[in-house]
C-alpha atoms as a PDB file:
ATOM      1  CA  MET A   1       3.291  29.878 -29.169  1.00  0.00           C
ATOM      2  CA  LYS A   2       1.202  32.612 -28.206  1.00  0.00           C
ATOM      3  CA  LYS A   3       0.679  33.168 -24.200  1.00  0.00           C
ATOM      4  CA  ASN A   4      -2.646  33.734 -23.918  1.00  0.00           C
ATOM      5  CA  SER A   5      -3.238  31.212 -26.411  1.00  0.00           C
ATOM      6  CA  LYS A   6      -4.802  27.091 -25.242  1.00  0.00           C
ATOM      7  CA  ILE A   7      -2.154  24.462 -25.390  1.00  0.00           C
ATOM      8  CA  LYS A   8      -3.026  21.880 -27.631  1.00  0.00           C
ATOM      9  CA  VAL A   9      -2.623  18.786 -25.456  1.00  0.00           C
ATOM     10  CA  VAL A  10      -3.074  14.671 -26.982  1.00  0.00           C
ATOM     11  CA  LEU A  11      -3.370  11.962 -23.807  1.00  0.00           C
ATOM     12  CA  VAL A  12      -2.090   8.648 -24.318  1.00  0.00           C
ATOM     13  CA  GLY A  13      -2.733   6.109 -22.168  1.00  0.00           C
ATOM     14  CA  CYS A  14      -6.462   5.860 -20.846  1.00  0.00           C
ATOM     15  CA  GLY A  15      -6.187   3.665 -18.018  1.00  0.00           C
ATOM     16  CA  ALA A  16      -6.868   4.118 -14.683  1.00  0.00           C
ATOM     17  CA  ILE A  17      -4.083   6.585 -14.058  1.00  0.00           C
ATOM     18  CA  SER A  18      -5.469   8.799 -16.965  1.00  0.00           C
ATOM     19  CA  ARG A  19      -8.902   9.555 -14.405  1.00  0.00           C
ATOM     20  CA  ALA A  20      -6.918  11.818 -11.764  1.00  0.00           C
ATOM     21  CA  TRP A  21      -4.833  14.201 -14.835  1.00  0.00           C
ATOM     22  CA  LEU A  22      -7.749  14.206 -16.833  1.00  0.00           C
ATOM     23  CA  TYR A  23      -9.820  15.700 -13.669  1.00  0.00           C
ATOM     24  CA  ALA A  24      -6.967  18.261 -13.138  1.00  0.00           C
ATOM     25  CA  ALA A  25      -7.108  19.197 -16.677  1.00  0.00           C
ATOM     26  CA  THR A  26     -10.207  19.313 -18.365  1.00  0.00           C
ATOM     27  CA  ARG A  27     -10.994  22.015 -14.993  1.00  0.00           C
ATOM     28  CA  GLU A  28      -7.428  23.733 -16.866  1.00  0.00           C
ATOM     29  CA  LYS A  29      -8.485  26.648 -18.865  1.00  0.00           C
ATOM     30  CA  GLU A  30      -5.673  27.124 -20.761  1.00  0.00           C
ATOM     31  CA  ILE A  31      -5.632  23.188 -22.212  1.00  0.00           C
ATOM     32  CA  GLU A  32      -7.361  21.869 -25.460  1.00  0.00           C
ATOM     33  CA  ILE A  33      -7.602  18.297 -24.807  1.00  0.00           C
ATOM     34  CA  VAL A  34      -7.151  17.883 -28.679  1.00  0.00           C
ATOM     35  CA  GLY A  35      -6.898  13.909 -28.965  1.00  0.00           C
ATOM     36  CA  LEU A  36      -7.513  10.890 -26.431  1.00  0.00           C
ATOM     37  CA  ILE A  37      -5.042   7.544 -27.512  1.00  0.00           C
ATOM     38  CA  ASP A  38      -5.111   4.251 -25.958  1.00  0.00           C
ATOM     39  CA  ILE A  39      -4.363   0.813 -27.064  1.00  0.00           C
ATOM     40  CA  LYS A  40      -7.907  -0.176 -26.819  1.00  0.00           C
ATOM     41  CA  LYS A  41     -10.192   2.149 -28.378  1.00  0.00           C
ATOM     42  CA  SER A  42     -12.972   1.842 -26.162  1.00  0.00           C
ATOM     43  CA  ASN A  43     -10.766   3.022 -23.120  1.00  0.00           C
ATOM     44  CA  ALA A  44     -10.253   6.311 -24.498  1.00  0.00           C
ATOM     45  CA  GLU A  45     -13.924   7.123 -25.740  1.00  0.00           C
ATOM     46  CA  GLU A  46     -14.960   5.825 -22.581  1.00  0.00           C
ATOM     47  CA  LYS A  47     -12.988   8.754 -21.157  1.00  0.00           C
ATOM     48  CA  ALA A  48     -14.132  11.407 -23.679  1.00  0.00           C
ATOM     49  CA  ARG A  49     -17.737  10.257 -22.406  1.00  0.00           C
ATOM     50  CA  GLU A  50     -16.686  10.514 -18.774  1.00  0.00           C
ATOM     51  CA  PHE A  51     -14.818  13.504 -19.069  1.00  0.00           C
ATOM     52  CA  LYS A  52     -17.381  15.582 -21.626  1.00  0.00           C
ATOM     53  CA  ILE A  53     -14.430  15.654 -23.853  1.00  0.00           C
ATOM     54  CA  VAL A  54     -16.392  16.958 -27.011  1.00  0.00           C
ATOM     55  CA  GLY A  55     -14.670  16.867 -30.624  1.00  0.00           C
ATOM     56  CA  ALA A  56     -11.058  14.819 -29.314  1.00  0.00           C
ATOM     57  CA  HIS A  57     -10.309  12.683 -31.937  1.00  0.00           C
ATOM     58  CA  ILE A  58      -9.928   9.093 -30.515  1.00  0.00           C
ATOM     59  CA  ASP A  59      -7.292   6.655 -31.935  1.00  0.00           C
ATOM     60  CA  THR A  60      -5.635   3.743 -31.521  1.00  0.00           C
ATOM     61  CA  ASN A  61      -2.129   5.245 -33.029  1.00  0.00           C
ATOM     62  CA  PHE A  62      -0.174   7.001 -31.514  1.00  0.00           C
ATOM     63  CA  LYS A  63       1.859   8.649 -34.132  1.00  0.00           C
ATOM     64  CA  GLU A  64      -0.680   9.008 -36.424  1.00  0.00           C
ATOM     65  CA  ALA A  65      -2.244  11.995 -34.006  1.00  0.00           C
ATOM     66  CA  LEU A  66       0.760  13.632 -33.451  1.00  0.00           C
ATOM     67  CA  ASN A  67       0.992  13.699 -37.159  1.00  0.00           C
ATOM     68  CA  ARG A  68      -2.909  15.032 -37.760  1.00  0.00           C
ATOM     69  CA  LEU A  69      -3.440  17.028 -34.414  1.00  0.00           C
ATOM     70  CA  LYS A  70       0.081  18.998 -33.980  1.00  0.00           C
ATOM     71  CA  PRO A  71      -0.569  18.911 -30.533  1.00  0.00           C
ATOM     72  CA  ASP A  72       1.652  21.583 -28.121  1.00  0.00           C
ATOM     73  CA  ALA A  73       1.741  18.988 -25.575  1.00  0.00           C
ATOM     74  CA  VAL A  74       1.769  15.297 -24.951  1.00  0.00           C
ATOM     75  CA  PHE A  75       0.502  13.927 -21.507  1.00  0.00           C
ATOM     76  CA  ASN A  76       1.625  10.367 -21.157  1.00  0.00           C
ATOM     77  CA  CYS A  77      -0.315   8.096 -18.828  1.00  0.00           C
ATOM     78  CA  THR A  78       1.035   4.938 -20.678  1.00  0.00           C
ATOM     79  CA  VAL A  79       2.060   2.061 -17.937  1.00  0.00           C
ATOM     80  CA  PRO A  80       5.902   1.971 -17.411  1.00  0.00           C
ATOM     81  CA  GLU A  81       7.269  -0.182 -19.871  1.00  0.00           C
ATOM     82  CA  ALA A  82       5.844   2.555 -23.151  1.00  0.00           C
ATOM     83  CA  HIS A  83       6.901   5.903 -21.011  1.00  0.00           C
ATOM     84  CA  TYR A  84      10.542   6.286 -22.971  1.00  0.00           C
ATOM     85  CA  GLU A  85       9.014   4.869 -26.329  1.00  0.00           C
ATOM     86  CA  THR A  86       6.283   7.421 -26.688  1.00  0.00           C
ATOM     87  CA  THR A  87       8.394  10.284 -24.637  1.00  0.00           C
ATOM     88  CA  MET A  88      10.818   9.678 -27.267  1.00  0.00           C
ATOM     89  CA  THR A  89       8.230  10.167 -30.121  1.00  0.00           C
ATOM     90  CA  ALA A  90       6.276  13.283 -28.666  1.00  0.00           C
ATOM     91  CA  LEU A  91       9.745  14.761 -28.734  1.00  0.00           C
ATOM     92  CA  LYS A  92      10.617  14.306 -31.685  1.00  0.00           C
ATOM     93  CA  HIS A  93       7.483  15.742 -33.375  1.00  0.00           C
ATOM     94  CA  GLY A  94       7.965  18.689 -31.202  1.00  0.00           C
ATOM     95  CA  CYS A  95       5.945  18.011 -28.478  1.00  0.00           C
ATOM     96  CA  HIS A  96       6.471  19.172 -25.025  1.00  0.00           C
ATOM     97  CA  VAL A  97       5.863  16.364 -22.093  1.00  0.00           C
ATOM     98  CA  LEU A  98       4.314  15.391 -19.244  1.00  0.00           C
ATOM     99  CA  VAL A  99       5.072  12.169 -18.161  1.00  0.00           C
ATOM    100  CA  GLU A 100       3.338   9.745 -15.327  1.00  0.00           C
ATOM    101  CA  LYS A 101       6.075   9.009 -12.876  1.00  0.00           C
ATOM    102  CA  PRO A 102       8.196   6.573 -12.945  1.00  0.00           C
ATOM    103  CA  LEU A 103      10.522   8.843 -15.811  1.00  0.00           C
ATOM    104  CA  ALA A 104      11.245   5.632 -17.775  1.00  0.00           C
ATOM    105  CA  HIS A 105      11.952   1.638 -16.870  1.00  0.00           C
ATOM    106  CA  THR A 106      15.684   1.725 -16.902  1.00  0.00           C
ATOM    107  CA  LEU A 107      17.865   5.190 -15.908  1.00  0.00           C
ATOM    108  CA  ASN A 108      19.532   4.367 -19.442  1.00  0.00           C
ATOM    109  CA  HIS A 109      16.445   5.511 -21.366  1.00  0.00           C
ATOM    110  CA  ALA A 110      15.668   8.086 -18.773  1.00  0.00           C
ATOM    111  CA  ARG A 111      19.106  10.309 -19.613  1.00  0.00           C
ATOM    112  CA  LYS A 112      18.152   9.758 -23.290  1.00  0.00           C
ATOM    113  CA  MET A 113      14.842  11.428 -22.904  1.00  0.00           C
ATOM    114  CA  VAL A 114      16.811  13.791 -20.559  1.00  0.00           C
ATOM    115  CA  GLU A 115      19.043  14.327 -23.174  1.00  0.00           C
ATOM    116  CA  GLN A 116      16.426  14.518 -26.300  1.00  0.00           C
ATOM    117  CA  ALA A 117      14.116  17.225 -24.275  1.00  0.00           C
ATOM    118  CA  GLU A 118      17.438  19.590 -24.208  1.00  0.00           C
ATOM    119  CA  LYS A 119      18.452  19.194 -27.907  1.00  0.00           C
ATOM    120  CA  SER A 120      14.133  19.657 -29.281  1.00  0.00           C
ATOM    121  CA  LYS A 121      14.079  22.555 -26.403  1.00  0.00           C
ATOM    122  CA  LYS A 122      11.011  21.397 -25.171  1.00  0.00           C
ATOM    123  CA  VAL A 123       9.650  21.025 -21.532  1.00  0.00           C
ATOM    124  CA  LEU A 124       9.950  17.196 -20.235  1.00  0.00           C
ATOM    125  CA  ALA A 125       8.568  16.749 -16.561  1.00  0.00           C
ATOM    126  CA  VAL A 126       7.932  14.448 -14.309  1.00  0.00           C
ATOM    127  CA  ILE A 127       3.704  13.947 -12.959  1.00  0.00           C
ATOM    128  CA  GLN A 128       5.078  13.531  -9.096  1.00  0.00           C
ATOM    129  CA  ASN A 129       2.051  15.724  -8.097  1.00  0.00           C
ATOM    130  CA  ARG A 130       3.252  14.586  -3.778  1.00  0.00           C
ATOM    131  CA  ARG A 131       5.252  17.904  -4.176  1.00  0.00           C
ATOM    132  CA  TYR A 132       2.588  20.650  -4.880  1.00  0.00           C
ATOM    133  CA  TYR A 133       0.714  19.911  -2.236  1.00  0.00           C
ATOM    134  CA  ASN A 134       0.153  22.792   0.532  1.00  0.00           C
ATOM    135  CA  TYR A 135       1.684  20.478   4.073  1.00  0.00           C
ATOM    136  CA  ILE A 136       4.302  18.661   1.959  1.00  0.00           C
ATOM    137  CA  ARG A 137       5.799  22.152   1.350  1.00  0.00           C
ATOM    138  CA  GLY A 138       5.231  23.529   5.352  1.00  0.00           C
ATOM    139  CA  VAL A 139       6.608  20.464   6.589  1.00  0.00           C
ATOM    140  CA  GLN A 140       9.270  21.347   4.131  1.00  0.00           C
ATOM    141  CA  ARG A 141       9.083  25.038   5.130  1.00  0.00           C
ATOM    142  CA  PHE A 142       9.414  24.056   9.078  1.00  0.00           C
ATOM    143  CA  LEU A 143      12.835  21.151   8.426  1.00  0.00           C
ATOM    144  CA  ILE A 144      14.634  24.900   6.333  1.00  0.00           C
ATOM    145  CA  SER A 145      13.874  26.856   9.072  1.00  0.00           C
ATOM    146  CA  GLY A 146      16.063  24.930  11.524  1.00  0.00           C
ATOM    147  CA  LYS A 147      14.295  25.172  14.674  1.00  0.00           C
ATOM    148  CA  ILE A 148      15.199  21.465  14.469  1.00  0.00           C
ATOM    149  CA  GLY A 149      18.672  21.794  13.786  1.00  0.00           C
ATOM    150  CA  GLU A 150      20.731  20.706  10.870  1.00  0.00           C
ATOM    151  CA  LEU A 151      19.067  17.210   9.677  1.00  0.00           C
ATOM    152  CA  THR A 152      21.271  13.817  10.437  1.00  0.00           C
ATOM    153  CA  THR A 153      18.455  11.042   9.812  1.00  0.00           C
ATOM    154  CA  VAL A 154      14.987  10.709   8.466  1.00  0.00           C
ATOM    155  CA  ASN A 155      13.422   7.195   8.405  1.00  0.00           C
ATOM    156  CA  SER A 156       9.562   6.799   6.300  1.00  0.00           C
ATOM    157  CA  GLU A 157       6.944   3.827   6.592  1.00  0.00           C
ATOM    158  CA  PHE A 158       5.253   2.890   3.666  1.00  0.00           C
ATOM    159  CA  TYR A 159       1.843   0.509   4.381  1.00  0.00           C
ATOM    160  CA  ILE A 160      -0.626   0.317   2.299  1.00  0.00           C
ATOM    161  CA  GLY A 161      -2.242  -3.704   0.913  1.00  0.00           C
ATOM    162  CA  ALA A 162      -3.013  -2.560  -2.339  1.00  0.00           C
ATOM    163  CA  HIS A 163      -5.149  -5.297  -4.451  1.00  0.00           C
ATOM    164  CA  PHE A 164      -4.920  -3.484  -7.930  1.00  0.00           C
ATOM    165  CA  GLY A 165      -5.118  -7.014  -9.961  1.00  0.00           C
ATOM    166  CA  GLY A 166      -4.025  -5.746 -13.633  1.00  0.00           C
ATOM    167  CA  PHE A 167       0.435  -5.435 -14.782  1.00  0.00           C
ATOM    168  CA  ARG A 168       1.306  -4.909 -11.207  1.00  0.00           C
ATOM    169  CA  ASP A 169       0.276  -8.088 -10.020  1.00  0.00           C
ATOM    170  CA  GLN A 170       2.415  -9.774 -12.283  1.00  0.00           C
ATOM    171  CA  MET A 171       5.086  -6.778 -12.332  1.00  0.00           C
ATOM    172  CA  LYS A 172       9.081  -7.198 -11.567  1.00  0.00           C
ATOM    173  CA  HIS A 173       9.945  -4.570  -8.210  1.00  0.00           C
ATOM    174  CA  VAL A 174       7.163  -3.135  -8.511  1.00  0.00           C
ATOM    175  CA  LEU A 175       7.297  -1.291  -4.500  1.00  0.00           C
ATOM    176  CA  LEU A 176      10.134  -0.347  -5.731  1.00  0.00           C
ATOM    177  CA  LEU A 177       9.685   0.672  -9.201  1.00  0.00           C
ATOM    178  CA  ASP A 178       6.036   1.976  -9.349  1.00  0.00           C
ATOM    179  CA  MET A 179       5.813   3.432  -5.911  1.00  0.00           C
ATOM    180  CA  ALA A 180       9.295   3.958  -3.770  1.00  0.00           C
ATOM    181  CA  ILE A 181       9.383   6.660  -6.397  1.00  0.00           C
ATOM    182  CA  HIS A 182       6.429   9.053  -4.500  1.00  0.00           C
ATOM    183  CA  THR A 183       8.616   8.511  -1.176  1.00  0.00           C
ATOM    184  CA  PHE A 184      12.226   8.683  -2.258  1.00  0.00           C
ATOM    185  CA  ASP A 185      11.420  12.372  -4.361  1.00  0.00           C
ATOM    186  CA  MET A 186       9.429  13.165  -1.612  1.00  0.00           C
ATOM    187  CA  ALA A 187      12.458  12.204  -0.102  1.00  0.00           C
ATOM    188  CA  ARG A 188      15.294  14.488  -1.461  1.00  0.00           C
ATOM    189  CA  PHE A 189      12.087  17.228  -1.422  1.00  0.00           C
ATOM    190  CA  LEU A 190      12.187  17.673   1.690  1.00  0.00           C
ATOM    191  CA  THR A 191      15.589  17.614   2.538  1.00  0.00           C
ATOM    192  CA  ALA A 192      17.527  19.205  -0.295  1.00  0.00           C
ATOM    193  CA  SER A 193      19.800  16.647  -0.407  1.00  0.00           C
ATOM    194  CA  ASP A 194      20.456  13.716  -2.964  1.00  0.00           C
ATOM    195  CA  PRO A 195      21.778  10.458  -3.347  1.00  0.00           C
ATOM    196  CA  LEU A 196      25.318   8.700  -2.737  1.00  0.00           C
ATOM    197  CA  ALA A 197      24.674   5.213  -1.857  1.00  0.00           C
ATOM    198  CA  VAL A 198      22.463   3.025  -0.781  1.00  0.00           C
ATOM    199  CA  TYR A 199      21.436  -1.057   0.942  1.00  0.00           C
ATOM    200  CA  CYS A 200      18.619  -2.417   0.080  1.00  0.00           C
ATOM    201  CA  LYS A 201      16.340  -5.814   1.061  1.00  0.00           C
ATOM    202  CA  GLU A 202      13.883  -7.041  -1.326  1.00  0.00           C
ATOM    203  CA  TRP A 203      11.316  -9.580  -0.753  1.00  0.00           C
ATOM    204  CA  ASN A 204       7.949 -10.981  -1.195  1.00  0.00           C
ATOM    205  CA  PRO A 205       6.142 -11.604   2.238  1.00  0.00           C
ATOM    206  CA  ALA A 206       4.096 -14.612   2.729  1.00  0.00           C
ATOM    207  CA  GLY A 207       0.260 -14.516   1.412  1.00  0.00           C
ATOM    208  CA  SER A 208       1.622 -11.672  -1.452  1.00  0.00           C
ATOM    209  CA  TRP A 209      -0.971 -11.861  -3.757  1.00  0.00           C
ATOM    210  CA  TYR A 210       1.530  -9.854  -6.294  1.00  0.00           C
ATOM    211  CA  LYS A 211       4.055 -12.488  -8.371  1.00  0.00           C
ATOM    212  CA  TYR A 212       7.438 -10.784  -6.949  1.00  0.00           C
ATOM    213  CA  ASP A 213       9.092  -8.604  -4.547  1.00  0.00           C
ATOM    214  CA  ALA A 214       5.889  -6.348  -3.034  1.00  0.00           C
ATOM    215  CA  SER A 215       8.113  -5.408   0.400  1.00  0.00           C
ATOM    216  CA  ALA A 216      11.326  -3.732   0.692  1.00  0.00           C
ATOM    217  CA  ASN A 217      14.017  -1.703   2.769  1.00  0.00           C
ATOM    218  CA  ALA A 218      16.577   0.337   1.968  1.00  0.00           C
ATOM    219  CA  ILE A 219      18.984   3.095   3.672  1.00  0.00           C
ATOM    220  CA  PHE A 220      20.631   5.578   1.464  1.00  0.00           C
ATOM    221  CA  HIS A 221      23.272   7.700   2.331  1.00  0.00           C
ATOM    222  CA  MET A 222      22.605  11.341   1.258  1.00  0.00           C
ATOM    223  CA  THR A 223      24.962  13.958   1.062  1.00  0.00           C
ATOM    224  CA  GLY A 224      25.585  16.506   3.643  1.00  0.00           C
ATOM    225  CA  GLY A 225      25.933  13.358   5.546  1.00  0.00           C
ATOM    226  CA  LEU A 226      22.250  12.815   5.929  1.00  0.00           C
ATOM    227  CA  VAL A 227      20.754   9.362   5.929  1.00  0.00           C
ATOM    228  CA  TYR A 228      17.753   8.325   5.271  1.00  0.00           C
ATOM    229  CA  THR A 229      15.874   4.814   5.848  1.00  0.00           C
ATOM    230  CA  TYR A 230      12.720   3.686   3.793  1.00  0.00           C
ATOM    231  CA  LEU A 231      10.342   0.481   5.120  1.00  0.00           C
ATOM    232  CA  GLY A 232       7.725   0.106   2.912  1.00  0.00           C
ATOM    233  CA  SER A 233       4.836  -2.854   1.706  1.00  0.00           C
ATOM    234  CA  TRP A 234       1.964  -3.312  -0.978  1.00  0.00           C
ATOM    235  CA  CYS A 235       0.872  -6.206   0.789  1.00  0.00           C
ATOM    236  CA  ALA A 236       0.838  -4.948   4.611  1.00  0.00           C
ATOM    237  CA  GLU A 237      -3.132  -5.815   5.318  1.00  0.00           C
ATOM    238  CA  GLY A 238      -4.313  -3.444   8.313  1.00  0.00           C
ATOM    239  CA  MET A 239      -2.699  -0.307   9.506  1.00  0.00           C
ATOM    240  CA  ASN A 240      -1.522   1.216   6.464  1.00  0.00           C
ATOM    241  CA  THR A 241       0.099   3.836   6.448  1.00  0.00           C
ATOM    242  CA  THR A 242      -1.677   7.650   4.443  1.00  0.00           C
ATOM    243  CA  TRP A 243      -0.524   6.843   1.085  1.00  0.00           C
ATOM    244  CA  ALA A 244       2.610   9.561   1.699  1.00  0.00           C
ATOM    245  CA  GLY A 245       3.837   7.257   4.534  1.00  0.00           C
ATOM    246  CA  ASN A 246       4.698   7.771   7.917  1.00  0.00           C
ATOM    247  CA  TRP A 247       7.581  10.132   8.485  1.00  0.00           C
ATOM    248  CA  ARG A 248      10.282  10.864  11.301  1.00  0.00           C
ATOM    249  CA  PHE A 249      12.756  13.819  10.978  1.00  0.00           C
ATOM    250  CA  ILE A 250      15.550  13.906  13.630  1.00  0.00           C
ATOM    251  CA  GLY A 251      17.691  17.115  13.402  1.00  0.00           C
ATOM    252  CA  GLN A 252      21.006  18.009  15.978  1.00  0.00           C
ATOM    253  CA  LYS A 253      18.850  20.572  18.155  1.00  0.00           C
ATOM    254  CA  GLY A 254      15.121  17.587  18.147  1.00  0.00           C
ATOM    255  CA  SER A 255      13.197  15.936  15.973  1.00  0.00           C
ATOM    256  CA  ALA A 256       9.451  15.970  14.321  1.00  0.00           C
ATOM    257  CA  ILE A 257       7.028  13.336  13.316  1.00  0.00           C
ATOM    258  CA  TRP A 258       4.481  13.437  10.397  1.00  0.00           C
ATOM    259  CA  ASP A 259       2.054  10.648   9.073  1.00  0.00           C
ATOM    260  CA  GLY A 260       2.351  11.815   6.157  1.00  0.00           C
ATOM    261  CA  MET A 261      -0.964  14.312   5.844  1.00  0.00           C
ATOM    262  CA  ASN A 262      -1.929  17.047   8.172  1.00  0.00           C
ATOM    263  CA  ASN A 263      -0.486  15.485  11.785  1.00  0.00           C
ATOM    264  CA  PHE A 264       2.804  17.120  12.223  1.00  0.00           C
ATOM    265  CA  SER A 265       4.272  17.376  15.725  1.00  0.00           C
ATOM    266  CA  ALA A 266       8.024  18.301  16.611  1.00  0.00           C
ATOM    267  CA  GLN A 267       9.973  18.440  20.102  1.00  0.00           C
ATOM    268  CA  LYS A 268      13.206  21.232  20.078  1.00  0.00           C
ATOM    269  CA  VAL A 269      15.987  20.300  23.221  1.00  0.00           C
ATOM    270  CA  VAL A 270      16.093  23.122  25.248  1.00  0.00           C
ATOM    271  CA  GLY A 271      17.449  20.983  28.268  1.00  0.00           C
ATOM    272  CA  CYS A 272      22.022  21.145  28.831  1.00  0.00           C
ATOM    273  CA  LYS A 273      21.372  18.599  31.958  1.00  0.00           C
ATOM    274  CA  GLY A 274      19.444  15.009  31.968  1.00  0.00           C
ATOM    275  CA  PHE A 275      19.831  11.913  30.564  1.00  0.00           C
ATOM    276  CA  ILE A 276      16.938  12.664  28.648  1.00  0.00           C
ATOM    277  CA  ARG A 277      16.837  15.872  28.080  1.00  0.00           C
ATOM    278  CA  LYS A 278      14.043  18.440  28.836  1.00  0.00           C
ATOM    279  CA  THR A 279      12.325  19.442  25.420  1.00  0.00           C
ATOM    280  CA  ARG A 280       9.642  21.636  24.488  1.00  0.00           C
ATOM    281  CA  ASN A 281       6.909  20.956  21.860  1.00  0.00           C
ATOM    282  CA  LEU A 282       6.739  23.547  18.561  1.00  0.00           C
ATOM    283  CA  ASP A 283       4.291  25.020  16.368  1.00  0.00           C
ATOM    284  CA  ILE A 284       4.431  24.337  12.956  1.00  0.00           C
ATOM    285  CA  LYS A 285       2.289  26.636  10.923  1.00  0.00           C
ATOM    286  CA  PHE A 286       0.353  25.341   7.388  1.00  0.00           C
ATOM    287  CA  PRO A 287      -2.817  24.766   5.998  1.00  0.00           C
ATOM    288  CA  HIS A 288      -4.242  21.234   6.689  1.00  0.00           C
ATOM    289  CA  LYS A 289      -7.018  21.418   4.112  1.00  0.00           C
ATOM    290  CA  LYS A 290      -6.374  20.102   0.050  1.00  0.00           C
ATOM    291  CA  ASP A 291      -6.949  23.009  -2.706  1.00  0.00           C
ATOM    292  CA  GLU A 292      -8.579  21.472  -5.010  1.00  0.00           C
ATOM    293  CA  ASN A 293      -5.178  23.370  -6.806  1.00  0.00           C
ATOM    294  CA  GLU A 294      -3.310  21.010  -5.309  1.00  0.00           C
ATOM    295  CA  GLY A 295      -1.286  17.729  -6.644  1.00  0.00           C
ATOM    296  CA  HIS A 296      -1.941  17.398 -10.121  1.00  0.00           C
ATOM    297  CA  TRP A 297      -4.024  20.691 -10.446  1.00  0.00           C
ATOM    298  CA  GLY A 298      -0.728  22.391  -9.312  1.00  0.00           C
ATOM    299  CA  LEU A 299       1.662  20.360 -11.008  1.00  0.00           C
ATOM    300  CA  ILE A 300      -0.586  20.386 -14.388  1.00  0.00           C
ATOM    301  CA  SER A 301      -0.513  24.709 -14.172  1.00  0.00           C
ATOM    302  CA  GLU A 302       3.912  24.607 -13.771  1.00  0.00           C
ATOM    303  CA  PHE A 303       3.832  22.245 -16.363  1.00  0.00           C
ATOM    304  CA  LEU A 304       1.815  24.314 -19.193  1.00  0.00           C
ATOM    305  CA  GLN A 305       3.297  27.650 -17.753  1.00  0.00           C
ATOM    306  CA  CYS A 306       6.631  26.705 -18.134  1.00  0.00           C
ATOM    307  CA  ILE A 307       5.639  25.984 -21.560  1.00  0.00           C
ATOM    308  CA  LYS A 308       5.042  29.304 -22.070  1.00  0.00           C
ATOM    309  CA  THR A 309       7.707  31.460 -20.350  1.00  0.00           C
ATOM    310  CA  GLY A 310      10.148  28.889 -21.177  1.00  0.00           C
ATOM    311  CA  LYS A 311      10.858  28.570 -17.060  1.00  0.00           C
ATOM    312  CA  LYS A 312      11.579  24.784 -15.849  1.00  0.00           C
ATOM    313  CA  PRO A 313       9.064  23.282 -13.666  1.00  0.00           C
ATOM    314  CA  MET A 314      10.122  21.755 -10.225  1.00  0.00           C
ATOM    315  CA  THR A 315       9.780  18.134 -11.623  1.00  0.00           C
ATOM    316  CA  SER A 316      11.773  18.890 -14.809  1.00  0.00           C
ATOM    317  CA  ALA A 317      13.352  15.369 -15.502  1.00  0.00           C
ATOM    318  CA  ASP A 318      17.371  16.488 -15.410  1.00  0.00           C
ATOM    319  CA  ASP A 319      16.391  17.001 -11.053  1.00  0.00           C
ATOM    320  CA  ASN A 320      13.192  13.862 -11.082  1.00  0.00           C
ATOM    321  CA  ILE A 321      15.995  11.575 -13.019  1.00  0.00           C
ATOM    322  CA  LYS A 322      18.185  11.850  -9.652  1.00  0.00           C
ATOM    323  CA  SER A 323      15.051  10.267  -7.896  1.00  0.00           C
ATOM    324  CA  LEU A 324      14.994   7.296 -10.366  1.00  0.00           C
ATOM    325  CA  ALA A 325      18.064   6.366  -9.896  1.00  0.00           C
ATOM    326  CA  MET A 326      17.364   5.808  -5.787  1.00  0.00           C
ATOM    327  CA  VAL A 327      15.131   3.058  -7.755  1.00  0.00           C
ATOM    328  CA  PHE A 328      17.732   1.536  -9.677  1.00  0.00           C
ATOM    329  CA  ALA A 329      20.248   1.654  -7.219  1.00  0.00           C
ATOM    330  CA  ALA A 330      17.459  -0.239  -4.464  1.00  0.00           C
ATOM    331  CA  ILE A 331      16.759  -3.069  -7.352  1.00  0.00           C
ATOM    332  CA  GLU A 332      20.194  -3.261  -7.878  1.00  0.00           C
ATOM    333  CA  SER A 333      21.627  -3.307  -4.535  1.00  0.00           C
ATOM    334  CA  ALA A 334      18.704  -6.088  -3.607  1.00  0.00           C
ATOM    335  CA  LYS A 335      19.660  -8.175  -6.470  1.00  0.00           C
ATOM    336  CA  LYS A 336      23.700  -8.388  -5.493  1.00  0.00           C
ATOM    337  CA  LYS A 337      22.991  -7.799  -2.129  1.00  0.00           C
ATOM    338  CA  LYS A 338      25.384  -5.189  -1.037  1.00  0.00           C
ATOM    339  CA  GLU A 339      25.773  -1.272  -1.187  1.00  0.00           C
ATOM    340  CA  ILE A 340      25.707   0.289  -4.791  1.00  0.00           C
ATOM    341  CA  GLN A 341      27.115   3.957  -5.189  1.00  0.00           C
ATOM    342  CA  ILE A 342      24.699   5.769  -7.342  1.00  0.00           C
ATOM    343  CA  ARG A 343      25.635   7.865 -10.150  1.00  0.00           C
ATOM    344  CA  ILE A 344      23.344   9.786 -12.165  1.00  0.00           C
END
């Protein structure tokens, strides 16, 4: 592929989630969307009209579209159960792949996908778009700076009453499998640590509109002696957190709290006497305004550059599988009602 040529992309799975992808992709000058594929042709036609994608091939048969169009890359926006088959098909057809989270519906499938990407020498990355927001990177820089000392404990809370309708209402482990991957990946990203073990409790509260468990609490043991706790629910009405959740970071020299957006505060202990030691407020400087080239756009832009340069994206599947392992270990722990050791 010539470095200055456009990258031909086929997007498969034209449901609601594809809008965020297409909003970014249609503004990216290095992309030519040559195909839109969905099991319902009307979905693909609707997205072509909505985003004014002229000349793209519309189809319901993914393999035939790959053979006909011979794209450089595939954007996999299918439902989680279809991520494995769609990604493996694309890789075997010589395509780079950017896949919606979670990477796969099982850890074994995720391992095979990583192996196939390595075998095919193609980029396989996951749309963990949270890593690409400036304010999240600002929090990461603050934590790495050591201003509150080495981290010992991190707590996150995610509470949103989400009335999706559709497949999620009937999905098993809907919170852990569909959403917690975002928060778990953020925990790894922000703390530069990886999971070792987890104990998790999963349940479906009275009044839930989900068929299966939509709430969960989990305690993770991470590398470096860090303990990370997750509390979450998809059916919490009122007083919702941000989509990134509420966070508390406890270090050996102080603590910080963050609302998942642009409200961040931190204190450092400066006193050495007294029942509660004296503290002073610390400043954190990072952009409070979200830029258009963050999130999906930033991630897609990096993915394209990695295709051209051979570099590895920040959300490469061989790293993201560690976040996915947290999800499946939490589910296993909830099922077996015991702590589970996490092995990639």
